[in-house]
N, C-alpha and C. Protein backbone atom coordinates (compact mmCIF):
# COMPACT_ATOMS: atom_id res chain seq x y z
N MET A 1 17.15 -13.62 39.67
CA MET A 1 17.75 -14.92 39.80
C MET A 1 19.28 -14.75 40.27
N ASP A 2 19.68 -15.55 41.12
CA ASP A 2 21.07 -15.42 41.56
C ASP A 2 21.69 -16.78 41.11
N LEU A 3 22.67 -16.71 40.17
CA LEU A 3 23.31 -17.86 39.58
C LEU A 3 24.83 -17.81 39.93
N THR A 4 25.34 -18.83 40.58
CA THR A 4 26.72 -18.92 40.81
C THR A 4 27.25 -20.03 40.00
N LEU A 5 28.27 -19.66 39.10
CA LEU A 5 28.94 -20.55 38.21
C LEU A 5 30.37 -20.92 38.64
N MET A 6 30.60 -22.14 38.93
CA MET A 6 31.90 -22.66 39.38
C MET A 6 32.42 -23.55 38.31
N THR A 7 33.76 -23.56 38.15
CA THR A 7 34.38 -24.63 37.25
C THR A 7 35.46 -25.36 38.08
N LYS A 8 35.57 -26.58 37.72
CA LYS A 8 36.70 -27.36 38.26
C LYS A 8 37.47 -27.91 37.02
N PRO A 9 38.73 -27.42 36.91
CA PRO A 9 39.55 -27.94 35.82
C PRO A 9 39.96 -29.47 35.89
N GLY A 10 40.11 -30.02 34.58
CA GLY A 10 40.58 -31.36 34.61
C GLY A 10 42.07 -31.59 35.02
N PRO A 11 42.42 -32.85 34.96
CA PRO A 11 43.77 -33.17 35.41
C PRO A 11 44.84 -32.73 34.46
N GLU A 12 44.56 -32.49 33.21
CA GLU A 12 45.43 -32.07 32.29
C GLU A 12 45.47 -30.65 31.95
N ALA A 13 44.48 -29.89 32.27
CA ALA A 13 44.42 -28.43 32.13
C ALA A 13 44.45 -27.67 33.43
N PRO A 14 45.24 -26.66 33.54
CA PRO A 14 45.26 -25.84 34.75
C PRO A 14 44.02 -25.11 35.06
N ASP A 15 43.32 -24.63 34.11
CA ASP A 15 42.08 -24.01 34.19
C ASP A 15 41.03 -24.36 33.07
N MET A 16 39.82 -24.25 33.39
CA MET A 16 38.75 -24.60 32.37
C MET A 16 38.07 -23.36 31.85
N PRO A 17 38.38 -22.93 30.68
CA PRO A 17 37.64 -21.66 30.13
C PRO A 17 36.20 -22.01 29.86
N VAL A 18 35.39 -21.18 30.35
CA VAL A 18 33.88 -21.22 30.09
C VAL A 18 33.48 -19.90 29.38
N ASP A 19 33.07 -20.11 28.23
CA ASP A 19 32.63 -18.87 27.38
C ASP A 19 31.29 -18.31 27.92
N GLY A 20 30.85 -17.20 27.52
CA GLY A 20 29.54 -16.68 27.83
C GLY A 20 28.36 -17.37 27.38
N LEU A 21 28.58 -18.20 26.39
CA LEU A 21 27.53 -18.96 25.71
C LEU A 21 26.90 -19.98 26.82
N VAL A 22 27.69 -20.65 27.55
CA VAL A 22 27.24 -21.45 28.67
C VAL A 22 26.45 -20.82 29.62
N GLU A 23 27.01 -19.73 30.24
CA GLU A 23 26.35 -18.91 31.24
C GLU A 23 24.97 -18.32 30.78
N LYS A 24 25.05 -17.89 29.55
CA LYS A 24 23.75 -17.25 28.99
C LYS A 24 22.73 -18.39 28.77
N HIS A 25 23.15 -19.55 28.35
CA HIS A 25 22.26 -20.76 28.20
C HIS A 25 21.71 -21.12 29.53
N LEU A 26 22.47 -21.16 30.53
CA LEU A 26 22.00 -21.57 31.87
C LEU A 26 20.96 -20.54 32.32
N ARG A 27 21.24 -19.25 32.20
CA ARG A 27 20.36 -18.20 32.72
C ARG A 27 19.05 -18.24 32.03
N LYS A 28 19.07 -18.44 30.73
CA LYS A 28 17.76 -18.52 29.93
C LYS A 28 16.91 -19.71 30.33
N LYS A 29 17.54 -20.97 30.49
CA LYS A 29 16.70 -22.06 31.01
C LYS A 29 16.19 -22.00 32.44
N LEU A 30 17.04 -21.34 33.21
CA LEU A 30 16.76 -21.24 34.66
C LEU A 30 15.69 -20.11 34.81
N GLU A 31 15.55 -19.12 33.92
CA GLU A 31 14.59 -18.06 33.92
C GLU A 31 13.22 -18.77 33.54
N LYS A 32 13.26 -19.71 32.67
CA LYS A 32 11.97 -20.42 32.35
C LYS A 32 11.52 -21.29 33.57
N ILE A 33 12.41 -21.88 34.23
CA ILE A 33 12.02 -22.60 35.46
C ILE A 33 11.46 -21.63 36.53
N GLU A 34 12.07 -20.54 36.66
CA GLU A 34 11.69 -19.59 37.61
C GLU A 34 10.26 -18.93 37.33
N ALA A 35 9.99 -18.87 35.99
CA ALA A 35 8.64 -18.32 35.61
C ALA A 35 7.73 -19.53 35.91
N ARG A 36 7.95 -20.80 35.78
CA ARG A 36 7.17 -21.91 35.97
C ARG A 36 6.78 -21.96 37.46
N LEU A 37 7.73 -21.50 38.28
CA LEU A 37 7.51 -21.67 39.75
C LEU A 37 6.83 -20.37 40.23
N GLY A 38 6.22 -19.55 39.39
CA GLY A 38 5.44 -18.42 39.75
C GLY A 38 6.25 -17.12 40.05
N GLY A 39 7.50 -17.09 39.32
CA GLY A 39 8.26 -15.97 39.42
C GLY A 39 8.92 -15.61 40.75
N LYS A 40 8.97 -16.63 41.55
CA LYS A 40 9.65 -16.62 42.85
C LYS A 40 11.22 -16.67 42.52
N PRO A 41 11.98 -15.71 43.13
CA PRO A 41 13.48 -15.60 42.77
C PRO A 41 14.16 -16.88 43.15
N LEU A 42 14.95 -17.43 42.18
CA LEU A 42 15.67 -18.68 42.37
C LEU A 42 17.10 -18.35 42.85
N VAL A 43 17.65 -19.27 43.62
CA VAL A 43 19.17 -19.21 43.95
C VAL A 43 19.65 -20.58 43.31
N ALA A 44 20.55 -20.40 42.37
CA ALA A 44 21.07 -21.55 41.62
C ALA A 44 22.54 -21.64 41.73
N ARG A 45 22.93 -22.84 41.81
CA ARG A 45 24.52 -23.02 41.71
C ARG A 45 24.87 -24.09 40.70
N ALA A 46 25.78 -23.77 39.77
CA ALA A 46 26.14 -24.68 38.77
C ALA A 46 27.62 -25.01 38.85
N VAL A 47 27.96 -26.26 38.98
CA VAL A 47 29.42 -26.61 39.03
C VAL A 47 29.68 -27.43 37.76
N LEU A 48 30.62 -26.88 36.93
CA LEU A 48 30.91 -27.54 35.79
C LEU A 48 32.43 -28.09 35.98
N ALA A 49 32.65 -29.42 35.70
CA ALA A 49 33.83 -30.04 35.92
C ALA A 49 34.31 -30.85 34.62
N GLU A 50 35.65 -30.71 34.38
CA GLU A 50 36.25 -31.53 33.31
C GLU A 50 36.76 -32.74 33.79
N LEU A 51 36.25 -33.85 33.18
CA LEU A 51 36.76 -35.16 33.64
C LEU A 51 37.74 -35.68 32.55
N PRO A 52 38.48 -36.73 32.88
CA PRO A 52 39.42 -37.31 31.78
C PRO A 52 38.76 -37.60 30.52
N VAL A 53 37.50 -38.06 30.65
CA VAL A 53 36.75 -38.48 29.35
C VAL A 53 35.48 -37.65 29.07
N GLY A 54 35.49 -36.35 29.48
CA GLY A 54 34.29 -35.56 29.27
C GLY A 54 34.11 -34.46 30.13
N PHE A 55 32.74 -34.12 30.38
CA PHE A 55 32.53 -33.17 31.36
C PHE A 55 31.39 -33.56 32.24
N GLU A 56 31.20 -32.92 33.36
CA GLU A 56 30.09 -33.19 34.35
C GLU A 56 29.47 -31.79 34.66
N ALA A 57 28.20 -31.70 34.70
CA ALA A 57 27.49 -30.58 35.17
C ALA A 57 26.69 -30.96 36.32
N THR A 58 26.77 -30.21 37.38
CA THR A 58 25.86 -30.35 38.63
C THR A 58 25.23 -29.03 38.69
N ILE A 59 23.82 -29.03 38.77
CA ILE A 59 23.12 -27.89 39.07
C ILE A 59 22.14 -28.02 40.28
N THR A 60 22.29 -27.00 41.21
CA THR A 60 21.52 -27.11 42.41
C THR A 60 20.50 -25.88 42.45
N LEU A 61 19.23 -26.15 42.74
CA LEU A 61 18.36 -25.00 43.08
C LEU A 61 18.14 -25.06 44.49
N HIS A 62 18.54 -23.84 45.13
CA HIS A 62 18.46 -23.87 46.67
C HIS A 62 17.03 -23.44 47.00
N GLY A 63 16.36 -24.02 47.93
CA GLY A 63 14.99 -23.76 48.40
C GLY A 63 14.65 -24.68 49.41
N SER A 64 13.33 -25.00 49.39
CA SER A 64 12.87 -25.87 50.32
C SER A 64 12.04 -26.91 49.63
N PRO A 65 12.51 -28.02 49.38
CA PRO A 65 13.84 -28.57 49.54
C PRO A 65 14.74 -28.23 48.36
N ASP A 66 16.04 -28.50 48.55
CA ASP A 66 16.92 -28.30 47.41
C ASP A 66 16.71 -29.31 46.32
N VAL A 67 16.84 -28.95 45.12
CA VAL A 67 16.80 -29.83 43.88
C VAL A 67 18.11 -29.83 43.16
N VAL A 68 18.63 -31.08 43.03
CA VAL A 68 19.92 -31.26 42.47
C VAL A 68 19.91 -32.16 41.23
N SER A 69 20.60 -31.87 40.23
CA SER A 69 20.68 -32.75 39.01
C SER A 69 22.18 -32.78 38.56
N HIS A 70 22.66 -34.08 38.21
CA HIS A 70 24.03 -34.26 37.70
C HIS A 70 23.88 -34.90 36.32
N ALA A 71 24.86 -34.57 35.42
CA ALA A 71 24.93 -35.16 34.00
C ALA A 71 26.45 -35.19 33.67
N ARG A 72 26.70 -36.19 32.93
CA ARG A 72 28.02 -36.44 32.29
C ARG A 72 27.89 -36.65 30.93
N GLU A 73 28.60 -35.88 30.08
CA GLU A 73 28.55 -35.97 28.65
C GLU A 73 29.97 -35.73 28.15
N SER A 74 30.15 -35.96 26.85
CA SER A 74 31.46 -35.82 26.23
C SER A 74 31.81 -34.37 25.83
N GLU A 75 30.69 -33.41 25.74
CA GLU A 75 30.79 -32.12 25.43
C GLU A 75 30.16 -31.36 26.64
N LEU A 76 30.72 -30.09 26.91
CA LEU A 76 30.27 -29.29 28.03
C LEU A 76 28.87 -28.84 27.87
N LEU A 77 28.45 -28.31 26.72
CA LEU A 77 26.98 -27.84 26.56
C LEU A 77 26.07 -29.02 26.57
N ALA A 78 26.43 -30.17 25.97
CA ALA A 78 25.53 -31.29 26.22
C ALA A 78 25.32 -31.74 27.68
N ALA A 79 26.42 -31.61 28.46
CA ALA A 79 26.26 -32.00 29.89
C ALA A 79 25.40 -30.94 30.62
N VAL A 80 25.49 -29.74 30.16
CA VAL A 80 24.65 -28.59 30.83
C VAL A 80 23.24 -28.90 30.41
N ASP A 81 22.93 -29.14 29.17
CA ASP A 81 21.64 -29.48 28.68
C ASP A 81 20.98 -30.69 29.41
N ALA A 82 21.71 -31.75 29.55
CA ALA A 82 21.16 -33.03 30.09
C ALA A 82 20.90 -32.61 31.73
N ALA A 83 21.63 -31.82 32.32
CA ALA A 83 21.39 -31.53 33.75
C ALA A 83 20.25 -30.73 33.83
N LEU A 84 20.07 -29.72 32.89
CA LEU A 84 18.90 -28.83 32.96
C LEU A 84 17.62 -29.59 32.61
N GLN A 85 17.62 -30.54 31.79
CA GLN A 85 16.44 -31.40 31.48
C GLN A 85 16.00 -32.24 32.77
N LYS A 86 17.07 -32.80 33.41
CA LYS A 86 16.68 -33.55 34.67
C LYS A 86 16.19 -32.59 35.60
N LEU A 87 16.70 -31.41 35.78
CA LEU A 87 16.21 -30.49 36.78
C LEU A 87 14.75 -29.94 36.42
N THR A 88 14.52 -29.83 35.21
CA THR A 88 13.23 -29.32 34.78
C THR A 88 12.13 -30.42 35.06
N ARG A 89 12.56 -31.70 34.81
CA ARG A 89 11.71 -32.72 35.13
C ARG A 89 11.40 -32.96 36.65
N GLN A 90 12.49 -32.76 37.47
CA GLN A 90 12.24 -32.89 38.86
C GLN A 90 11.35 -31.74 39.41
N VAL A 91 11.53 -30.51 38.93
CA VAL A 91 10.76 -29.40 39.33
C VAL A 91 9.32 -29.61 39.00
N GLU A 92 9.02 -29.96 37.67
CA GLU A 92 7.63 -30.29 37.28
C GLU A 92 6.90 -31.37 38.12
N THR A 93 7.74 -32.42 38.37
CA THR A 93 7.21 -33.52 39.22
C THR A 93 6.73 -33.02 40.58
N ARG A 94 7.64 -32.22 41.15
CA ARG A 94 7.38 -31.58 42.42
C ARG A 94 6.02 -30.71 42.41
N MET A 95 6.02 -29.88 41.36
CA MET A 95 4.83 -29.01 41.17
C MET A 95 3.58 -29.81 41.07
N ASP A 96 3.63 -30.93 40.12
CA ASP A 96 2.48 -31.72 40.00
C ASP A 96 1.97 -32.45 41.34
N LYS A 97 2.88 -32.87 42.08
CA LYS A 97 2.56 -33.47 43.42
C LYS A 97 2.01 -32.43 44.32
N ALA A 98 2.56 -31.21 44.33
CA ALA A 98 1.98 -30.09 45.21
C ALA A 98 0.60 -29.73 44.82
N SER A 99 0.25 -29.81 43.56
CA SER A 99 -1.02 -29.29 43.11
C SER A 99 -2.08 -30.50 43.20
N GLY A 100 -1.70 -31.63 43.46
CA GLY A 100 -2.55 -32.74 43.55
C GLY A 100 -2.98 -33.37 42.27
N LYS A 101 -2.42 -32.92 41.17
CA LYS A 101 -2.88 -33.54 39.84
C LYS A 101 -2.60 -34.91 39.77
N GLU A 102 -1.34 -35.45 40.11
CA GLU A 102 -0.95 -36.83 40.09
C GLU A 102 -1.66 -37.47 41.23
N ARG A 103 -1.82 -36.90 42.34
CA ARG A 103 -2.45 -37.66 43.48
C ARG A 103 -3.82 -38.04 43.05
N GLY A 104 -4.63 -37.18 42.38
CA GLY A 104 -5.90 -37.42 42.02
C GLY A 104 -6.03 -38.57 41.03
N ARG A 105 -5.13 -38.69 40.06
CA ARG A 105 -5.03 -39.68 39.25
C ARG A 105 -4.75 -41.04 39.84
N ARG A 106 -3.81 -41.14 40.77
CA ARG A 106 -3.41 -42.34 41.45
C ARG A 106 -4.58 -42.87 42.36
N ALA A 107 -5.25 -41.99 42.92
CA ALA A 107 -6.39 -42.33 43.80
C ALA A 107 -7.53 -42.89 43.01
N SER A 108 -7.84 -42.29 41.86
CA SER A 108 -9.02 -42.82 41.06
C SER A 108 -8.57 -44.16 40.48
N GLY A 109 -7.27 -44.20 40.03
CA GLY A 109 -6.92 -45.54 39.45
C GLY A 109 -6.93 -46.66 40.48
N THR A 110 -6.59 -46.44 41.71
CA THR A 110 -6.64 -47.47 42.76
C THR A 110 -7.93 -47.90 43.01
N GLN A 111 -8.79 -46.94 43.17
CA GLN A 111 -10.20 -47.36 43.50
C GLN A 111 -10.82 -48.14 42.34
N HIS A 112 -10.47 -47.82 41.17
CA HIS A 112 -11.14 -48.62 40.06
C HIS A 112 -10.54 -50.01 39.99
N LYS A 113 -9.30 -50.27 40.29
CA LYS A 113 -8.71 -51.56 40.24
C LYS A 113 -9.12 -52.34 41.41
N ALA A 114 -9.54 -51.72 42.58
CA ALA A 114 -9.91 -52.54 43.67
C ALA A 114 -11.46 -52.77 43.58
N GLY A 115 -12.03 -52.25 42.61
CA GLY A 115 -13.58 -52.57 42.49
C GLY A 115 -14.29 -51.63 43.37
N ILE A 116 -13.75 -50.61 44.00
CA ILE A 116 -14.50 -49.72 44.85
C ILE A 116 -15.47 -48.79 43.96
N ALA A 117 -14.98 -48.22 43.06
CA ALA A 117 -15.74 -47.29 42.34
C ALA A 117 -16.61 -47.73 41.29
């Protein structure tokens, strides 16, 4: 997995220190997503920004198509967690659609409501 971690300092601080805990947490969660996608190597980019009232995390998985998630929270790790949860949900939704699992449910429900089945 290729992870690029970028930081954008806030208006009051010249730089934003990011400890190894945040990067380790990101790698651990992204490795789970990578395994869910069949072990295909991921290229991910995380941008962590300090805002006047908290933090913003933007995580992008580059692929076909790109998957992007944004989250704003008062604490940095909470923002990263929220963005990772959104990203995981988006990836699982795309995988369900690709496998036809959701498609089969929608089709059967539509036929039943219309009185066809």
